[in-house]
Amino acid sequence: MLWEKSGYRQIPELKNKYFLGRTMILYLEDKIERTPGCFSFCFKPQTRITWKAGQYMQFTLPHENPDDRGISRYFTISSAPHEEYIMITTRYAGDSSSTFKKSLMNLEKGNDISAFPPQGEFVVDDFNKNIVLIAGGIGITPFRSIVLDLEYKKKLPELEIYLLYSNRDSGIVFRDEFDRIAVSVNTFRIRYIVSPERLDIELIKMAVLNYREKIYYISGPPGLVKSVEEALLDDGIDSSEIKLDYFPGY
């Protein structure tokens, strides 16, 4: 059953099992390989969607013979609100990927996917204190949205922002965009951390001037997020100054 004019869809076979109510319809417009094995999917919503930079959506993609992880996933929106399209960015591991990711990769332009409206509190809403963004791997996705949103709203010159990005190799997702902003805005500073270098409290102290006087946003695999959070807490950073976003993998 479809409500095409309203931009919402009801999926009878999922009702009561996965969710109740209506979901939005989004149409694939583009697929971009950011780095080897990392792809962005750009969707045009049938009806206008508003969201805050850093929020996420729950996406549903029915497909044959789904594995035990099912047909629904949560993805942070990696596009900024002013871009007016929904972009999600994820890693793809070929044959070892989930059936959901394989189905996502097989989508062609014009194919659709369903999603709940945006939600989440991993957003920048205090412009009176400088910010440290700490990302591990694909946990960089909310920070593209956040940084581009701050640039668009002309908040970057008013804020001192540090981006510490830890990655397993030199394939830095969204590097061109981050580097462009860093060149034009001297209050936006980036530190890329590539394995075997480690992201720890000592590196944070060296990379971030007056590191105790910042709000911390940490996004990435649970192990990294937890270890950085614990290190900051042990060093005296108050829990109210730390926001977390976990990427458990799909």
Foldseek 3Di string as FASTA:
>chain_A
DQPLVVQWGDDVVCDPPPDDDIWGKWFWADWDDQFVQKIKTKTATSDFAADAQLWKKKWFDDDPPFPPVHGIDIFHFLAARVVRIGMGMDGHDPPPDGPNVVVVVPDDGGDMITIHHIDDDLHDDDLPFAEEEEEEASQCRSVNRRVVNCVVVVSLLSHQYEYEYEYAAPSDGPVVVLVVVVVVHVSYYYDYHYPPGDDAPVVCPVRDDVSLRHQYEYTEAPVVQVRRLVRCVVVPRDPVSYHYYHDNDD
